[in-house]
Amino acid sequence: MSYYVYIIQSETDGSYYKGFSEDYIKRLEQHNNSWSKFTSSKIPWKLIHVESFENKKSALKREKAIKKYSHAQIEQLSLSKKNILTQ
């Protein structure tokens, strides 16, 4: 099983949300269908970055690190080779 760290961006105000999931596509749908209190006011969201991990511990550690990133760092990360969406 794979675990994913993802970053979504609000098309409303450009803000970012960073999260962890076993199914990042389904999780994006949940964000866009108001399943999350924090993200429901900023719909629609688009997926801009995804990283894959073999174990949950590694994914959660990476998510914690990414949550501290600045907007500039997130923009750079979304263009990096780590982003499986660009591969």
PDB file of N, CA and C in Angstrom:
ATOM      1  N   MET A   1       0.835  -1.179   0.000  1.00  0.00           N
ATOM      2  CA  MET A   1       0.000   0.000   0.000  1.00  0.00           C
ATOM      3  C   MET A   1       0.879   1.240   0.000  1.00  0.00           C
ATOM      4  N   SER A   2       0.448   2.246  -0.733  1.00  0.00           N
ATOM      5  CA  SER A   2       1.165   3.519  -0.773  1.00  0.00           C
ATOM      6  C   SER A   2       0.433   4.561   0.061  1.00  0.00           C
ATOM      7  N   TYR A   3       1.198   5.509   0.529  1.00  0.00           N
ATOM      8  CA  TYR A   3       0.672   6.634   1.292  1.00  0.00           C
ATOM      9  C   TYR A   3       1.129   7.895   0.588  1.00  0.00           C
ATOM     10  N   TYR A   4       0.301   8.913   0.629  1.00  0.00           N
ATOM     11  CA  TYR A   4       0.584  10.122  -0.138  1.00  0.00           C
ATOM     12  C   TYR A   4       0.498  11.376   0.720  1.00  0.00           C
ATOM     13  N   VAL A   5       1.389  12.305   0.415  1.00  0.00           N
ATOM     14  CA  VAL A   5       1.315  13.654   0.951  1.00  0.00           C
ATOM     15  C   VAL A   5       0.923  14.513  -0.250  1.00  0.00           C
ATOM     16  N   TYR A   6      -0.082  15.354  -0.051  1.00  0.00           N
ATOM     17  CA  TYR A   6      -0.574  16.148  -1.166  1.00  0.00           C
ATOM     18  C   TYR A   6      -0.702  17.612  -0.761  1.00  0.00           C
ATOM     19  N   ILE A   7      -0.667  18.456  -1.773  1.00  0.00           N
ATOM     20  CA  ILE A   7      -0.916  19.885  -1.589  1.00  0.00           C
ATOM     21  C   ILE A   7      -1.982  20.269  -2.599  1.00  0.00           C
ATOM     22  N   ILE A   8      -3.017  20.938  -2.095  1.00  0.00           N
ATOM     23  CA  ILE A   8      -4.044  21.466  -2.974  1.00  0.00           C
ATOM     24  C   ILE A   8      -4.041  22.984  -2.857  1.00  0.00           C
ATOM     25  N   GLN A   9      -4.494  23.622  -3.923  1.00  0.00           N
ATOM     26  CA  GLN A   9      -4.538  25.082  -3.938  1.00  0.00           C
ATOM     27  C   GLN A   9      -5.963  25.523  -4.244  1.00  0.00           C
ATOM     28  N   SER A  10      -6.427  26.491  -3.480  1.00  0.00           N
ATOM     29  CA  SER A  10      -7.758  27.041  -3.696  1.00  0.00           C
ATOM     30  C   SER A  10      -7.759  27.897  -4.950  1.00  0.00           C
ATOM     31  N   GLU A  11      -8.712  27.645  -5.823  1.00  0.00           N
ATOM     32  CA  GLU A  11      -8.849  28.471  -7.015  1.00  0.00           C
ATOM     33  C   GLU A  11      -9.576  29.771  -6.674  1.00  0.00           C
ATOM     34  N   THR A  12     -10.087  29.872  -5.463  1.00  0.00           N
ATOM     35  CA  THR A  12     -10.783  31.071  -5.011  1.00  0.00           C
ATOM     36  C   THR A  12      -9.806  32.138  -4.544  1.00  0.00           C
ATOM     37  N   ASP A  13      -8.873  31.752  -3.668  1.00  0.00           N
ATOM     38  CA  ASP A  13      -7.961  32.756  -3.105  1.00  0.00           C
ATOM     39  C   ASP A  13      -6.481  32.388  -3.199  1.00  0.00           C
ATOM     40  N   GLY A  14      -6.147  31.260  -3.807  1.00  0.00           N
ATOM     41  CA  GLY A  14      -4.750  30.864  -3.994  1.00  0.00           C
ATOM     42  C   GLY A  14      -4.085  30.246  -2.778  1.00  0.00           C
ATOM     43  N   SER A  15      -4.835  30.077  -1.689  1.00  0.00           N
ATOM     44  CA  SER A  15      -4.243  29.481  -0.483  1.00  0.00           C
ATOM     45  C   SER A  15      -3.972  27.993  -0.693  1.00  0.00           C
ATOM     46  N   TYR A  16      -3.131  27.448   0.168  1.00  0.00           N
ATOM     47  CA  TYR A  16      -2.738  26.041   0.083  1.00  0.00           C
ATOM     48  C   TYR A  16      -3.260  25.257   1.279  1.00  0.00           C
ATOM     49  N   TYR A  17      -3.479  23.972   1.029  1.00  0.00           N
ATOM     50  CA  TYR A  17      -3.800  23.037   2.099  1.00  0.00           C
ATOM     51  C   TYR A  17      -2.893  21.842   1.884  1.00  0.00           C
ATOM     52  N   LYS A  18      -2.236  21.400   2.948  1.00  0.00           N
ATOM     53  CA  LYS A  18      -1.336  20.249   2.864  1.00  0.00           C
ATOM     54  C   LYS A  18      -1.932  19.116   3.674  1.00  0.00           C
ATOM     55  N   GLY A  19      -1.898  17.905   3.116  1.00  0.00           N
ATOM     56  CA  GLY A  19      -2.496  16.777   3.812  1.00  0.00           C
ATOM     57  C   GLY A  19      -1.847  15.454   3.478  1.00  0.00           C
ATOM     58  N   PHE A  20      -2.412  14.416   4.076  1.00  0.00           N
ATOM     59  CA  PHE A  20      -1.937  13.049   3.948  1.00  0.00           C
ATOM     60  C   PHE A  20      -3.147  12.175   3.613  1.00  0.00           C
ATOM     61  N   SER A  21      -2.970  11.187   2.760  1.00  0.00           N
ATOM     62  CA  SER A  21      -4.077  10.295   2.422  1.00  0.00           C
ATOM     63  C   SER A  21      -3.548   9.011   1.790  1.00  0.00           C
ATOM     64  N   GLU A  22      -4.371   7.985   1.837  1.00  0.00           N
ATOM     65  CA  GLU A  22      -4.062   6.753   1.122  1.00  0.00           C
ATOM     66  C   GLU A  22      -4.615   6.815  -0.300  1.00  0.00           C
ATOM     67  N   ASP A  23      -5.517   7.775  -0.563  1.00  0.00           N
ATOM     68  CA  ASP A  23      -6.119   7.946  -1.884  1.00  0.00           C
ATOM     69  C   ASP A  23      -6.291   9.447  -2.128  1.00  0.00           C
ATOM     70  N   TYR A  24      -5.301  10.071  -2.731  1.00  0.00           N
ATOM     71  CA  TYR A  24      -5.313  11.524  -2.874  1.00  0.00           C
ATOM     72  C   TYR A  24      -6.388  12.026  -3.841  1.00  0.00           C
ATOM     73  N   ILE A  25      -6.786  11.219  -4.815  1.00  0.00           N
ATOM     74  CA  ILE A  25      -7.855  11.615  -5.737  1.00  0.00           C
ATOM     75  C   ILE A  25      -9.192  11.681  -4.988  1.00  0.00           C
ATOM     76  N   LYS A  26      -9.470  10.659  -4.223  1.00  0.00           N
ATOM     77  CA  LYS A  26     -10.700  10.650  -3.432  1.00  0.00           C
ATOM     78  C   LYS A  26     -10.699  11.784  -2.412  1.00  0.00           C
ATOM     79  N   ARG A  27      -9.551  12.051  -1.834  1.00  0.00           N
ATOM     80  CA  ARG A  27      -9.453  13.118  -0.836  1.00  0.00           C
ATOM     81  C   ARG A  27      -9.699  14.480  -1.473  1.00  0.00           C
ATOM     82  N   LEU A  28      -9.200  14.708  -2.680  1.00  0.00           N
ATOM     83  CA  LEU A  28      -9.469  15.954  -3.386  1.00  0.00           C
ATOM     84  C   LEU A  28     -10.974  16.114  -3.609  1.00  0.00           C
ATOM     85  N   GLU A  29     -11.635  15.039  -4.008  1.00  0.00           N
ATOM     86  CA  GLU A  29     -13.091  15.076  -4.197  1.00  0.00           C
ATOM     87  C   GLU A  29     -13.792  15.443  -2.886  1.00  0.00           C
ATOM     88  N   GLN A  30     -13.316  14.906  -1.788  1.00  0.00           N
ATOM     89  CA  GLN A  30     -13.906  15.225  -0.486  1.00  0.00           C
ATOM     90  C   GLN A  30     -13.735  16.703  -0.155  1.00  0.00           C
ATOM     91  N   HIS A  31     -12.562  17.253  -0.413  1.00  0.00           N
ATOM     92  CA  HIS A  31     -12.339  18.679  -0.174  1.00  0.00           C
ATOM     93  C   HIS A  31     -13.292  19.522  -1.028  1.00  0.00           C
ATOM     94  N   ASN A  32     -13.474  19.136  -2.276  1.00  0.00           N
ATOM     95  CA  ASN A  32     -14.332  19.902  -3.180  1.00  0.00           C
ATOM     96  C   ASN A  32     -15.819  19.670  -2.942  1.00  0.00           C
ATOM     97  N   ASN A  33     -16.156  18.682  -2.127  1.00  0.00           N
ATOM     98  CA  ASN A  33     -17.557  18.413  -1.782  1.00  0.00           C
ATOM     99  C   ASN A  33     -17.875  18.803  -0.339  1.00  0.00           C
ATOM    100  N   SER A  34     -17.055  19.685   0.219  1.00  0.00           N
ATOM    101  CA  SER A  34     -17.275  20.262   1.558  1.00  0.00           C
ATOM    102  C   SER A  34     -17.229  19.259   2.706  1.00  0.00           C
ATOM    103  N   TRP A  35     -16.431  18.210   2.587  1.00  0.00           N
ATOM    104  CA  TRP A  35     -16.300  17.236   3.677  1.00  0.00           C
ATOM    105  C   TRP A  35     -15.353  17.729   4.761  1.00  0.00           C
ATOM    106  N   SER A  36     -14.595  18.745   4.467  1.00  0.00           N
ATOM    107  CA  SER A  36     -13.625  19.283   5.418  1.00  0.00           C
ATOM    108  C   SER A  36     -14.048  20.697   5.803  1.00  0.00           C
ATOM    109  N   LYS A  37     -14.200  20.923   7.088  1.00  0.00           N
ATOM    110  CA  LYS A  37     -14.634  22.238   7.584  1.00  0.00           C
ATOM    111  C   LYS A  37     -13.666  23.340   7.155  1.00  0.00           C
ATOM    112  N   PHE A  38     -12.371  23.080   7.247  1.00  0.00           N
ATOM    113  CA  PHE A  38     -11.367  24.093   6.929  1.00  0.00           C
ATOM    114  C   PHE A  38     -11.384  24.476   5.456  1.00  0.00           C
ATOM    115  N   THR A  39     -11.560  23.512   4.567  1.00  0.00           N
ATOM    116  CA  THR A  39     -11.447  23.790   3.132  1.00  0.00           C
ATOM    117  C   THR A  39     -12.776  24.111   2.456  1.00  0.00           C
ATOM    118  N   SER A  40     -13.880  23.912   3.127  1.00  0.00           N
ATOM    119  CA  SER A  40     -15.187  24.073   2.478  1.00  0.00           C
ATOM    120  C   SER A  40     -15.473  25.504   2.021  1.00  0.00           C
ATOM    121  N   SER A  41     -14.901  26.488   2.667  1.00  0.00           N
ATOM    122  CA  SER A  41     -15.168  27.876   2.287  1.00  0.00           C
ATOM    123  C   SER A  41     -14.293  28.365   1.128  1.00  0.00           C
ATOM    124  N   LYS A  42     -13.373  27.521   0.671  1.00  0.00           N
ATOM    125  CA  LYS A  42     -12.435  27.957  -0.369  1.00  0.00           C
ATOM    126  C   LYS A  42     -12.512  27.095  -1.630  1.00  0.00           C
ATOM    127  N   ILE A  43     -13.625  26.440  -1.832  1.00  0.00           N
ATOM    128  CA  ILE A  43     -13.855  25.593  -3.007  1.00  0.00           C
ATOM    129  C   ILE A  43     -13.911  26.478  -4.252  1.00  0.00           C
ATOM    130  N   PRO A  44     -13.396  26.047  -5.381  1.00  0.00           N
ATOM    131  CA  PRO A  44     -12.836  24.739  -5.697  1.00  0.00           C
ATOM    132  C   PRO A  44     -11.331  24.670  -5.418  1.00  0.00           C
ATOM    133  N   TRP A  45     -10.879  23.443  -5.220  1.00  0.00           N
ATOM    134  CA  TRP A  45      -9.472  23.148  -4.978  1.00  0.00           C
ATOM    135  C   TRP A  45      -8.910  22.388  -6.161  1.00  0.00           C
ATOM    136  N   LYS A  46      -7.613  22.614  -6.437  1.00  0.00           N
ATOM    137  CA  LYS A  46      -6.923  21.834  -7.467  1.00  0.00           C
ATOM    138  C   LYS A  46      -5.677  21.216  -6.852  1.00  0.00           C
ATOM    139  N   LEU A  47      -5.369  20.035  -7.319  1.00  0.00           N
ATOM    140  CA  LEU A  47      -4.200  19.296  -6.849  1.00  0.00           C
ATOM    141  C   LEU A  47      -2.961  19.854  -7.532  1.00  0.00           C
ATOM    142  N   ILE A  48      -1.950  20.249  -6.745  1.00  0.00           N
ATOM    143  CA  ILE A  48      -0.728  20.795  -7.355  1.00  0.00           C
ATOM    144  C   ILE A  48       0.521  19.980  -7.043  1.00  0.00           C
ATOM    145  N   HIS A  49       0.452  19.120  -6.011  1.00  0.00           N
ATOM    146  CA  HIS A  49       1.648  18.365  -5.629  1.00  0.00           C
ATOM    147  C   HIS A  49       1.247  17.074  -4.925  1.00  0.00           C
ATOM    148  N   VAL A  50       1.934  15.974  -5.284  1.00  0.00           N
ATOM    149  CA  VAL A  50       1.734  14.685  -4.625  1.00  0.00           C
ATOM    150  C   VAL A  50       3.076  13.979  -4.517  1.00  0.00           C
ATOM    151  N   GLU A  51       3.355  13.441  -3.341  1.00  0.00           N
ATOM    152  CA  GLU A  51       4.531  12.594  -3.119  1.00  0.00           C
ATOM    153  C   GLU A  51       4.052  11.254  -2.583  1.00  0.00           C
ATOM    154  N   SER A  52       4.693  10.178  -3.005  1.00  0.00           N
ATOM    155  CA  SER A  52       4.323   8.826  -2.609  1.00  0.00           C
ATOM    156  C   SER A  52       5.336   8.252  -1.616  1.00  0.00           C
ATOM    157  N   PHE A  53       4.820   7.508  -0.632  1.00  0.00           N
ATOM    158  CA  PHE A  53       5.662   6.886   0.389  1.00  0.00           C
ATOM    159  C   PHE A  53       5.226   5.444   0.610  1.00  0.00           C
ATOM    160  N   GLU A  54       6.185   4.608   0.975  1.00  0.00           N
ATOM    161  CA  GLU A  54       5.897   3.200   1.192  1.00  0.00           C
ATOM    162  C   GLU A  54       5.277   2.926   2.549  1.00  0.00           C
ATOM    163  N   ASN A  55       5.511   3.835   3.517  1.00  0.00           N
ATOM    164  CA  ASN A  55       4.931   3.606   4.842  1.00  0.00           C
ATOM    165  C   ASN A  55       4.326   4.892   5.405  1.00  0.00           C
ATOM    166  N   LYS A  56       3.387   4.694   6.297  1.00  0.00           N
ATOM    167  CA  LYS A  56       2.627   5.801   6.867  1.00  0.00           C
ATOM    168  C   LYS A  56       3.511   6.747   7.671  1.00  0.00           C
ATOM    169  N   LYS A  57       4.443   6.199   8.412  1.00  0.00           N
ATOM    170  CA  LYS A  57       5.314   7.010   9.256  1.00  0.00           C
ATOM    171  C   LYS A  57       6.103   8.024   8.427  1.00  0.00           C
ATOM    172  N   SER A  58       6.666   7.585   7.320  1.00  0.00           N
ATOM    173  CA  SER A  58       7.430   8.476   6.449  1.00  0.00           C
ATOM    174  C   SER A  58       6.550   9.567   5.851  1.00  0.00           C
ATOM    175  N   ALA A  59       5.354   9.186   5.451  1.00  0.00           N
ATOM    176  CA  ALA A  59       4.423  10.160   4.863  1.00  0.00           C
ATOM    177  C   ALA A  59       4.019  11.211   5.885  1.00  0.00           C
ATOM    178  N   LEU A  60       3.711  10.795   7.093  1.00  0.00           N
ATOM    179  CA  LEU A  60       3.302  11.745   8.127  1.00  0.00           C
ATOM    180  C   LEU A  60       4.448  12.678   8.518  1.00  0.00           C
ATOM    181  N   LYS A  61       5.657  12.160   8.525  1.00  0.00           N
ATOM    182  CA  LYS A  61       6.827  12.984   8.823  1.00  0.00           C
ATOM    183  C   LYS A  61       7.013  14.049   7.733  1.00  0.00           C
ATOM    184  N   ARG A  62       6.844  13.649   6.485  1.00  0.00           N
ATOM    185  CA  ARG A  62       6.976  14.585   5.365  1.00  0.00           C
ATOM    186  C   ARG A  62       5.858  15.632   5.393  1.00  0.00           C
ATOM    187  N   GLU A  63       4.645  15.204   5.693  1.00  0.00           N
ATOM    188  CA  GLU A  63       3.524  16.140   5.784  1.00  0.00           C
ATOM    189  C   GLU A  63       3.810  17.216   6.837  1.00  0.00           C
ATOM    190  N   LYS A  64       4.312  16.795   7.971  1.00  0.00           N
ATOM    191  CA  LYS A  64       4.629  17.736   9.047  1.00  0.00           C
ATOM    192  C   LYS A  64       5.660  18.762   8.581  1.00  0.00           C
ATOM    193  N   ALA A  65       6.668  18.314   7.841  1.00  0.00           N
ATOM    194  CA  ALA A  65       7.696  19.225   7.340  1.00  0.00           C
ATOM    195  C   ALA A  65       7.117  20.202   6.323  1.00  0.00           C
ATOM    196  N   ILE A  66       6.296  19.713   5.404  1.00  0.00           N
ATOM    197  CA  ILE A  66       5.731  20.557   4.351  1.00  0.00           C
ATOM    198  C   ILE A  66       4.778  21.603   4.931  1.00  0.00           C
ATOM    199  N   LYS A  67       4.127  21.297   6.026  1.00  0.00           N
ATOM    200  CA  LYS A  67       3.203  22.262   6.639  1.00  0.00           C
ATOM    201  C   LYS A  67       3.918  23.533   7.095  1.00  0.00           C
ATOM    202  N   LYS A  68       5.240  23.477   7.221  1.00  0.00           N
ATOM    203  CA  LYS A  68       6.023  24.644   7.634  1.00  0.00           C
ATOM    204  C   LYS A  68       6.555  25.442   6.444  1.00  0.00           C
ATOM    205  N   TYR A  69       6.320  24.974   5.234  1.00  0.00           N
ATOM    206  CA  TYR A  69       6.853  25.621   4.037  1.00  0.00           C
ATOM    207  C   TYR A  69       6.160  26.952   3.761  1.00  0.00           C
ATOM    208  N   SER A  70       6.927  27.879   3.212  1.00  0.00           N
ATOM    209  CA  SER A  70       6.377  29.162   2.762  1.00  0.00           C
ATOM    210  C   SER A  70       5.696  28.963   1.399  1.00  0.00           C
ATOM    211  N   HIS A  71       4.985  29.982   0.961  1.00  0.00           N
ATOM    212  CA  HIS A  71       4.349  29.912  -0.364  1.00  0.00           C
ATOM    213  C   HIS A  71       5.399  29.708  -1.457  1.00  0.00           C
ATOM    214  N   ALA A  72       6.513  30.394  -1.354  1.00  0.00           N
ATOM    215  CA  ALA A  72       7.579  30.257  -2.356  1.00  0.00           C
ATOM    216  C   ALA A  72       8.138  28.834  -2.368  1.00  0.00           C
ATOM    217  N   GLN A  73       8.324  28.251  -1.206  1.00  0.00           N
ATOM    218  CA  GLN A  73       8.830  26.882  -1.127  1.00  0.00           C
ATOM    219  C   GLN A  73       7.826  25.894  -1.720  1.00  0.00           C
ATOM    220  N   ILE A  74       6.548  26.126  -1.493  1.00  0.00           N
ATOM    221  CA  ILE A  74       5.520  25.242  -2.051  1.00  0.00           C
ATOM    222  C   ILE A  74       5.509  25.333  -3.574  1.00  0.00           C
ATOM    223  N   GLU A  75       5.636  26.540  -4.094  1.00  0.00           N
ATOM    224  CA  GLU A  75       5.678  26.714  -5.546  1.00  0.00           C
ATOM    225  C   GLU A  75       6.870  25.979  -6.149  1.00  0.00           C
ATOM    226  N   GLN A  76       8.026  26.066  -5.515  1.00  0.00           N
ATOM    227  CA  GLN A  76       9.214  25.351  -5.989  1.00  0.00           C
ATOM    228  C   GLN A  76       9.008  23.845  -5.895  1.00  0.00           C
ATOM    229  N   LEU A  77       8.437  23.395  -4.795  1.00  0.00           N
ATOM    230  CA  LEU A  77       8.200  21.970  -4.591  1.00  0.00           C
ATOM    231  C   LEU A  77       7.262  21.405  -5.655  1.00  0.00           C
ATOM    232  N   SER A  78       6.246  22.162  -6.012  1.00  0.00           N
ATOM    233  CA  SER A  78       5.287  21.676  -7.004  1.00  0.00           C
ATOM    234  C   SER A  78       5.920  21.497  -8.383  1.00  0.00           C
ATOM    235  N   LEU A  79       7.033  22.181  -8.614  1.00  0.00           N
ATOM    236  CA  LEU A  79       7.748  22.062  -9.894  1.00  0.00           C
ATOM    237  C   LEU A  79       8.887  21.038  -9.833  1.00  0.00           C
ATOM    238  N   SER A  80       9.147  20.479  -8.662  1.00  0.00           N
ATOM    239  CA  SER A  80      10.286  19.581  -8.473  1.00  0.00           C
ATOM    240  C   SER A  80      10.010  18.164  -8.973  1.00  0.00           C
ATOM    241  N   LYS A  81      11.081  17.389  -9.045  1.00  0.00           N
ATOM    242  CA  LYS A  81      10.983  15.988  -9.471  1.00  0.00           C
ATOM    243  C   LYS A  81      10.279  15.117  -8.442  1.00  0.00           C
ATOM    244  N   LYS A  82      10.151  15.602  -7.206  1.00  0.00           N
ATOM    245  CA  LYS A  82       9.455  14.847  -6.168  1.00  0.00           C
ATOM    246  C   LYS A  82       7.966  14.759  -6.440  1.00  0.00           C
ATOM    247  N   ASN A  83       7.447  15.685  -7.231  1.00  0.00           N
ATOM    248  CA  ASN A  83       6.017  15.757  -7.513  1.00  0.00           C
ATOM    249  C   ASN A  83       5.641  14.695  -8.550  1.00  0.00           C
ATOM    250  N   ILE A  84       4.901  13.681  -8.136  1.00  0.00           N
ATOM    251  CA  ILE A  84       4.551  12.607  -9.067  1.00  0.00           C
ATOM    252  C   ILE A  84       3.555  13.066 -10.130  1.00  0.00           C
ATOM    253  N   LEU A  85       2.948  14.219  -9.947  1.00  0.00           N
ATOM    254  CA  LEU A  85       2.038  14.741 -10.964  1.00  0.00           C
ATOM    255  C   LEU A  85       2.778  15.235 -12.190  1.00  0.00           C
ATOM    256  N   THR A  86       4.051  15.546 -12.062  1.00  0.00           N
ATOM    257  CA  THR A  86       4.828  16.050 -13.200  1.00  0.00           C
ATOM    258  C   THR A  86       5.642  14.957 -13.880  1.00  0.00           C
ATOM    259  N   GLN A  87       5.539  13.745 -13.430  1.00  0.00           N
ATOM    260  CA  GLN A  87       6.332  12.653 -13.998  1.00  0.00           C
ATOM    261  C   GLN A  87       5.608  12.023 -15.179  1.00  0.00           C
TER     262      GLN A  87
END
